[in-house]
Amino acid sequence: MLKLYTDAASKGNPGPTGLGALIIADHQQYQLTATLERADNHHGEFAAAQFGFQYLLDHFGPQQTVLFYTDSRVLSDAIGKNYTKHYQKELAALNQLISQFTTVVTQWIPDQQNHGAHHLANQALRSLE
C-alpha cells in the first residue's frame, strides 16, 4: 500500500506554481517537487496529483493500492463525483492515471494534516524566484 499526499502553491492567481508530492511506501518517504510556469491554484492541485500518480506508476507500477490525500476540496470532490464544471480536461488526465492502479482511495484532509506536501510545494515555488 502506498500513501500519496499532494499540494500546490501559486504566487499570484494565476502565476508561478510549485507542486509537491510526498509518498510513503514501505516506511520510506519520497519527497518530490516540480514547477509550472503559470497556473492558478486549482490547476496546480490537479497537476500535483498527476505528477504524484505518474511517479507512482513509473517507480512502483500499477499493481498497487494507493491512499491519496489532498487538502483541495475541488480536487477531492471532482475525483469522488467523477465530474467538475471547470477542470474536465485535468480530471480526465488524472483519471487516466488513477484507473491504472488496482485501488485508489481519495480522502480530503485539512491543511494542517498536509504539511509535508505543502512544504514541498512552497519549496518548489521558491525555486522559481
Protein backbone atom coordinates (compact mmCIF):
# COMPACT_ATOMS: atom_id res chain seq x y z
CA MET A 1 0.00 0.00 0.00
CA LEU A 2 1.23 3.45 -0.96
CA LYS A 3 0.28 6.80 0.56
CA LEU A 4 0.35 9.87 -1.68
CA TYR A 5 -0.03 13.43 -0.41
CA THR A 6 -0.02 16.29 -2.94
CA ASP A 7 -0.31 20.07 -2.83
CA ALA A 8 0.27 23.15 -4.99
CA ALA A 9 1.36 26.68 -4.15
CA SER A 10 0.89 29.62 -6.52
CA LYS A 11 2.30 33.13 -6.41
CA GLY A 12 -0.47 35.13 -8.00
CA ASN A 13 -3.61 33.60 -9.36
CA PRO A 14 -2.53 32.61 -11.94
CA GLY A 15 1.20 32.79 -11.55
CA PRO A 16 4.28 30.66 -10.99
CA THR A 17 3.27 27.45 -9.24
CA GLY A 18 5.12 24.89 -7.18
CA LEU A 19 3.99 21.28 -6.93
CA GLY A 20 4.72 18.95 -4.06
CA ALA A 21 4.19 15.23 -3.65
CA LEU A 22 5.01 13.19 -0.58
CA ILE A 23 4.94 9.42 -0.99
CA ILE A 24 5.15 6.94 1.85
CA ALA A 25 5.99 3.39 0.80
CA ASP A 26 7.42 0.61 2.97
CA HIS A 27 8.16 3.07 5.80
CA GLN A 28 10.22 5.28 3.46
CA GLN A 29 9.42 8.80 2.33
CA TYR A 30 9.89 10.11 -1.18
CA GLN A 31 9.77 13.90 -1.45
CA LEU A 32 9.11 15.28 -4.93
CA THR A 33 8.83 18.78 -6.35
CA ALA A 34 8.06 20.25 -9.75
CA THR A 35 7.07 23.65 -11.09
CA LEU A 36 4.67 25.19 -13.57
CA GLU A 37 5.47 28.49 -15.22
CA ARG A 38 1.90 29.75 -14.84
CA ALA A 39 -1.19 28.23 -13.26
CA ASP A 40 -3.94 29.08 -10.83
CA ASN A 41 -4.12 27.12 -7.61
CA HIS A 42 -6.85 24.70 -8.75
CA HIS A 43 -4.98 23.78 -11.94
CA GLY A 44 -1.89 23.41 -9.77
CA GLU A 45 -3.69 20.95 -7.47
CA PHE A 46 -4.67 18.76 -10.43
CA ALA A 47 -1.13 19.00 -11.82
CA ALA A 48 0.37 18.00 -8.45
CA ALA A 49 -1.91 14.95 -8.30
CA GLN A 50 -0.99 13.97 -11.88
CA PHE A 51 2.70 14.44 -11.03
CA GLY A 52 2.37 12.19 -7.96
CA PHE A 53 0.40 9.44 -9.67
CA GLN A 54 2.78 9.43 -12.67
CA TYR A 55 5.71 8.98 -10.28
CA LEU A 56 3.92 6.07 -8.60
CA LEU A 57 3.31 4.38 -11.95
CA ASP A 58 6.90 4.91 -13.09
CA HIS A 59 8.54 3.73 -9.85
CA PHE A 60 6.11 1.31 -8.19
CA GLY A 61 3.92 0.01 -11.02
CA PRO A 62 0.16 -0.21 -11.32
CA GLN A 63 -0.45 -3.27 -9.12
CA GLN A 64 -0.83 -1.07 -6.05
CA THR A 65 -3.39 0.16 -3.60
CA VAL A 66 -3.00 3.92 -3.21
CA LEU A 67 -4.33 6.06 -0.39
CA PHE A 68 -4.44 9.55 -1.90
CA TYR A 69 -4.67 12.59 0.38
CA THR A 70 -5.35 16.16 -0.74
CA ASP A 71 -6.35 19.38 1.00
CA SER A 72 -8.14 20.57 -2.15
CA ARG A 73 -11.92 20.20 -1.92
CA VAL A 74 -12.21 20.92 -5.64
CA LEU A 75 -9.86 18.05 -6.45
CA SER A 76 -11.27 15.52 -3.97
CA ASP A 77 -14.87 16.33 -4.97
CA ALA A 78 -14.03 16.07 -8.68
CA ILE A 79 -12.48 12.64 -8.20
CA GLY A 80 -15.31 11.44 -5.96
CA LYS A 81 -18.07 12.63 -8.31
CA ASN A 82 -16.07 12.00 -11.50
CA TYR A 83 -17.22 15.46 -12.52
CA THR A 84 -16.02 19.04 -12.39
CA LYS A 85 -17.51 22.02 -14.12
CA HIS A 86 -14.27 23.85 -14.91
CA TYR A 87 -11.49 21.23 -14.90
CA GLN A 88 -12.78 18.41 -17.13
CA LYS A 89 -9.55 18.13 -19.13
CA GLU A 90 -7.44 17.95 -15.97
CA LEU A 91 -9.80 15.42 -14.36
CA ALA A 92 -9.75 13.23 -17.48
CA ALA A 93 -5.93 13.19 -17.49
CA LEU A 94 -5.86 12.38 -13.77
CA ASN A 95 -8.49 9.64 -14.13
CA GLN A 96 -6.40 8.05 -16.88
CA LEU A 97 -3.56 7.69 -14.37
CA ILE A 98 -5.75 6.65 -11.42
CA SER A 99 -7.54 3.97 -13.46
CA GLN A 100 -4.27 2.07 -13.92
CA PHE A 101 -3.98 1.23 -10.22
CA THR A 102 -5.65 -1.72 -8.52
CA THR A 103 -7.38 0.51 -5.96
CA VAL A 104 -7.24 4.23 -5.20
CA VAL A 105 -8.95 5.72 -2.16
CA THR A 106 -9.11 9.52 -2.21
CA GLN A 107 -9.54 11.45 1.01
CA TRP A 108 -9.75 15.17 1.66
CA ILE A 109 -7.66 16.27 4.65
CA PRO A 110 -7.37 19.68 6.33
CA ASP A 111 -4.33 21.84 5.54
CA GLN A 112 -2.69 21.08 8.87
CA GLN A 113 -2.58 17.36 8.01
CA ASN A 114 -0.85 18.02 4.68
CA HIS A 115 2.29 19.78 5.94
CA GLY A 116 4.74 17.56 4.05
CA ALA A 117 3.28 18.14 0.58
CA HIS A 118 2.58 21.80 1.42
CA HIS A 119 6.21 22.36 2.39
CA LEU A 120 7.42 20.69 -0.82
CA ALA A 121 5.08 22.82 -2.98
CA ASN A 122 6.36 26.01 -1.33
CA GLN A 123 9.96 24.82 -1.70
CA ALA A 124 9.34 24.32 -5.43
CA LEU A 125 7.69 27.74 -5.69
CA ARG A 126 10.71 29.41 -4.01
CA SER A 127 12.97 27.77 -6.59
CA LEU A 128 11.23 29.89 -9.27
CA GLU A 129 12.21 33.19 -7.65
